[in-house]
Amino acid sequence: MNDNHPKPSRRGFFFGAAATGAAAAAIVALPGAPALIDASKVTKPAPEKGGGYSLTEHVQRYYKTTRL
């Protein structure tokens, strides 16, 4: 079977990765781009006396994936 597609190369992969990174940086640098969220405003402060475990949504999802 005659295949007209070129073989993928490392050079092409790195060129594509660099172009993707440059495009992402350009989008973030645009004026009016959404600002990054400050994580300290979103998360709860750690308890003073320990006991920092809480059953959050992502923990419940993990427990569901471990069930047989």
N, C-alpha and C. Protein backbone atom coordinates (compact mmCIF):
# COMPACT_ATOMS: atom_id res chain seq x y z
N MET A 1 0.83 -1.17 0.00
CA MET A 1 0.00 0.00 0.00
C MET A 1 0.89 1.24 0.00
N ASN A 2 0.62 2.17 -0.87
CA ASN A 2 1.41 3.39 -1.01
C ASN A 2 0.86 4.45 -0.07
N ASP A 3 1.67 4.86 0.89
CA ASP A 3 1.24 5.86 1.87
C ASP A 3 1.93 7.18 1.56
N ASN A 4 1.15 8.21 1.28
CA ASN A 4 1.71 9.51 0.92
C ASN A 4 1.98 10.41 2.11
N HIS A 5 1.69 9.93 3.33
CA HIS A 5 1.91 10.75 4.52
C HIS A 5 3.36 10.63 4.97
N PRO A 6 3.99 11.76 5.34
CA PRO A 6 5.37 11.68 5.81
C PRO A 6 5.42 11.04 7.20
N LYS A 7 6.55 10.42 7.53
CA LYS A 7 6.73 9.84 8.85
C LYS A 7 6.85 10.95 9.88
N PRO A 8 6.27 10.76 11.06
CA PRO A 8 6.45 11.76 12.10
C PRO A 8 7.91 11.81 12.56
N SER A 9 8.38 12.99 12.87
CA SER A 9 9.77 13.12 13.31
C SER A 9 9.83 13.86 14.63
N ARG A 10 10.93 13.71 15.33
CA ARG A 10 11.11 14.43 16.59
C ARG A 10 11.16 15.93 16.35
N ARG A 11 11.79 16.33 15.29
CA ARG A 11 11.90 17.76 14.97
C ARG A 11 10.52 18.37 14.79
N GLY A 12 9.65 17.68 14.07
CA GLY A 12 8.30 18.18 13.86
C GLY A 12 7.50 18.24 15.15
N PHE A 13 7.71 17.22 16.02
CA PHE A 13 7.02 17.21 17.31
C PHE A 13 7.43 18.42 18.15
N PHE A 14 8.74 18.67 18.25
CA PHE A 14 9.20 19.79 19.06
C PHE A 14 8.80 21.13 18.45
N PHE A 15 8.76 21.20 17.14
CA PHE A 15 8.31 22.43 16.50
C PHE A 15 6.84 22.68 16.83
N GLY A 16 6.01 21.66 16.79
CA GLY A 16 4.60 21.79 17.14
C GLY A 16 4.40 22.15 18.60
N ALA A 17 5.19 21.54 19.48
CA ALA A 17 5.09 21.84 20.90
C ALA A 17 5.48 23.30 21.18
N ALA A 18 6.53 23.77 20.52
CA ALA A 18 6.96 25.16 20.71
C ALA A 18 5.91 26.13 20.19
N ALA A 19 5.32 25.81 19.06
CA ALA A 19 4.29 26.69 18.49
C ALA A 19 3.06 26.73 19.40
N THR A 20 2.70 25.60 19.98
CA THR A 20 1.55 25.56 20.89
C THR A 20 1.83 26.39 22.13
N GLY A 21 3.04 26.26 22.67
CA GLY A 21 3.41 27.04 23.85
C GLY A 21 3.41 28.54 23.57
N ALA A 22 3.91 28.91 22.42
CA ALA A 22 3.94 30.33 22.06
C ALA A 22 2.52 30.87 21.88
N ALA A 23 1.65 30.07 21.28
CA ALA A 23 0.26 30.51 21.10
C ALA A 23 -0.43 30.67 22.44
N ALA A 24 -0.20 29.74 23.37
CA ALA A 24 -0.81 29.84 24.70
C ALA A 24 -0.31 31.08 25.43
N ALA A 25 0.98 31.36 25.34
CA ALA A 25 1.54 32.55 25.99
C ALA A 25 0.96 33.82 25.38
N ALA A 26 0.76 33.83 24.08
CA ALA A 26 0.20 35.01 23.43
C ALA A 26 -1.24 35.24 23.85
N ILE A 27 -2.00 34.17 24.00
CA ILE A 27 -3.41 34.32 24.42
C ILE A 27 -3.50 34.87 25.83
N VAL A 28 -2.64 34.38 26.72
CA VAL A 28 -2.66 34.85 28.11
C VAL A 28 -2.24 36.31 28.19
N ALA A 29 -1.32 36.73 27.33
CA ALA A 29 -0.80 38.09 27.38
C ALA A 29 -1.76 39.12 26.76
N LEU A 30 -2.78 38.67 26.07
CA LEU A 30 -3.71 39.60 25.45
C LEU A 30 -4.46 40.42 26.49
N PRO A 31 -4.70 41.68 26.21
CA PRO A 31 -5.50 42.46 27.16
C PRO A 31 -6.92 41.92 27.17
N GLY A 32 -7.52 41.90 28.35
CA GLY A 32 -8.87 41.39 28.49
C GLY A 32 -8.92 39.89 28.70
N ALA A 33 -7.75 39.24 28.81
CA ALA A 33 -7.71 37.81 29.08
C ALA A 33 -8.18 37.58 30.52
N PRO A 34 -8.83 36.47 30.78
CA PRO A 34 -9.29 36.22 32.15
C PRO A 34 -8.12 36.14 33.12
N ALA A 35 -8.28 36.75 34.28
CA ALA A 35 -7.22 36.76 35.28
C ALA A 35 -7.17 35.42 35.99
N LEU A 36 -5.99 35.08 36.48
CA LEU A 36 -5.84 33.84 37.22
C LEU A 36 -6.50 33.99 38.58
N ILE A 37 -7.08 32.92 39.09
CA ILE A 37 -7.76 32.95 40.38
C ILE A 37 -6.74 32.75 41.48
N ASP A 38 -6.83 33.56 42.52
CA ASP A 38 -5.95 33.43 43.67
C ASP A 38 -6.44 32.25 44.51
N ALA A 39 -5.63 31.22 44.65
CA ALA A 39 -6.04 30.00 45.34
C ALA A 39 -6.31 30.24 46.81
N SER A 40 -5.67 31.22 47.42
CA SER A 40 -5.90 31.47 48.85
C SER A 40 -7.31 31.98 49.12
N LYS A 41 -7.95 32.57 48.13
CA LYS A 41 -9.32 33.05 48.31
C LYS A 41 -10.34 31.95 48.10
N VAL A 42 -9.96 30.89 47.40
CA VAL A 42 -10.89 29.82 47.07
C VAL A 42 -10.88 28.72 48.12
N THR A 43 -9.72 28.37 48.65
CA THR A 43 -9.61 27.26 49.59
C THR A 43 -9.87 27.71 51.02
N LYS A 44 -10.30 26.76 51.83
CA LYS A 44 -10.52 27.04 53.25
C LYS A 44 -9.18 27.08 53.97
N PRO A 45 -9.05 27.87 55.02
CA PRO A 45 -7.80 27.85 55.78
C PRO A 45 -7.66 26.53 56.52
N ALA A 46 -6.42 26.11 56.76
CA ALA A 46 -6.17 24.86 57.48
C ALA A 46 -6.60 25.00 58.93
N PRO A 47 -7.17 23.94 59.51
CA PRO A 47 -7.57 24.02 60.92
C PRO A 47 -6.35 24.15 61.83
N GLU A 48 -6.52 24.87 62.93
CA GLU A 48 -5.40 25.13 63.83
C GLU A 48 -4.99 23.90 64.62
N LYS A 49 -5.95 23.03 64.97
CA LYS A 49 -5.64 21.87 65.82
C LYS A 49 -5.59 20.58 65.02
N GLY A 50 -5.29 20.65 63.76
CA GLY A 50 -5.22 19.44 62.94
C GLY A 50 -6.61 19.05 62.47
N GLY A 51 -6.75 17.80 62.05
CA GLY A 51 -8.05 17.34 61.58
C GLY A 51 -8.42 17.96 60.25
N GLY A 52 -7.45 18.09 59.36
CA GLY A 52 -7.67 18.76 58.09
C GLY A 52 -8.40 17.95 57.04
N TYR A 53 -8.75 16.70 57.36
CA TYR A 53 -9.43 15.87 56.35
C TYR A 53 -10.88 16.29 56.23
N SER A 54 -11.31 16.45 54.99
CA SER A 54 -12.73 16.69 54.75
C SER A 54 -13.15 15.90 53.52
N LEU A 55 -14.35 15.41 53.55
CA LEU A 55 -14.86 14.59 52.46
C LEU A 55 -15.38 15.52 51.37
N THR A 56 -14.50 15.87 50.45
CA THR A 56 -14.85 16.79 49.38
C THR A 56 -15.34 16.02 48.17
N GLU A 57 -15.80 16.75 47.17
CA GLU A 57 -16.36 16.12 45.97
C GLU A 57 -15.31 15.26 45.25
N HIS A 58 -14.08 15.77 45.13
CA HIS A 58 -13.08 14.98 44.41
C HIS A 58 -12.67 13.73 45.18
N VAL A 59 -12.73 13.77 46.51
CA VAL A 59 -12.44 12.58 47.31
C VAL A 59 -13.56 11.56 47.12
N GLN A 60 -14.79 12.01 47.08
CA GLN A 60 -15.91 11.09 46.85
C GLN A 60 -15.82 10.45 45.47
N ARG A 61 -15.40 11.22 44.45
CA ARG A 61 -15.22 10.64 43.12
C ARG A 61 -14.15 9.57 43.14
N TYR A 62 -13.07 9.82 43.87
CA TYR A 62 -12.00 8.82 43.97
C TYR A 62 -12.53 7.55 44.62
N TYR A 63 -13.28 7.69 45.70
CA TYR A 63 -13.83 6.51 46.36
C TYR A 63 -14.73 5.71 45.42
N LYS A 64 -15.48 6.39 44.58
CA LYS A 64 -16.35 5.69 43.63
C LYS A 64 -15.53 4.90 42.62
N THR A 65 -14.35 5.41 42.23
CA THR A 65 -13.53 4.70 41.25
C THR A 65 -12.86 3.46 41.84
N THR A 66 -12.72 3.41 43.17
CA THR A 66 -12.06 2.26 43.79
C THR A 66 -13.02 1.12 44.10
N ARG A 67 -14.30 1.36 43.99
CA ARG A 67 -15.27 0.29 44.26
C ARG A 67 -15.24 -0.75 43.15
N LEU A 68 -15.41 -1.97 43.54
CA LEU A 68 -15.43 -3.06 42.55
C LEU A 68 -16.80 -3.33 42.03
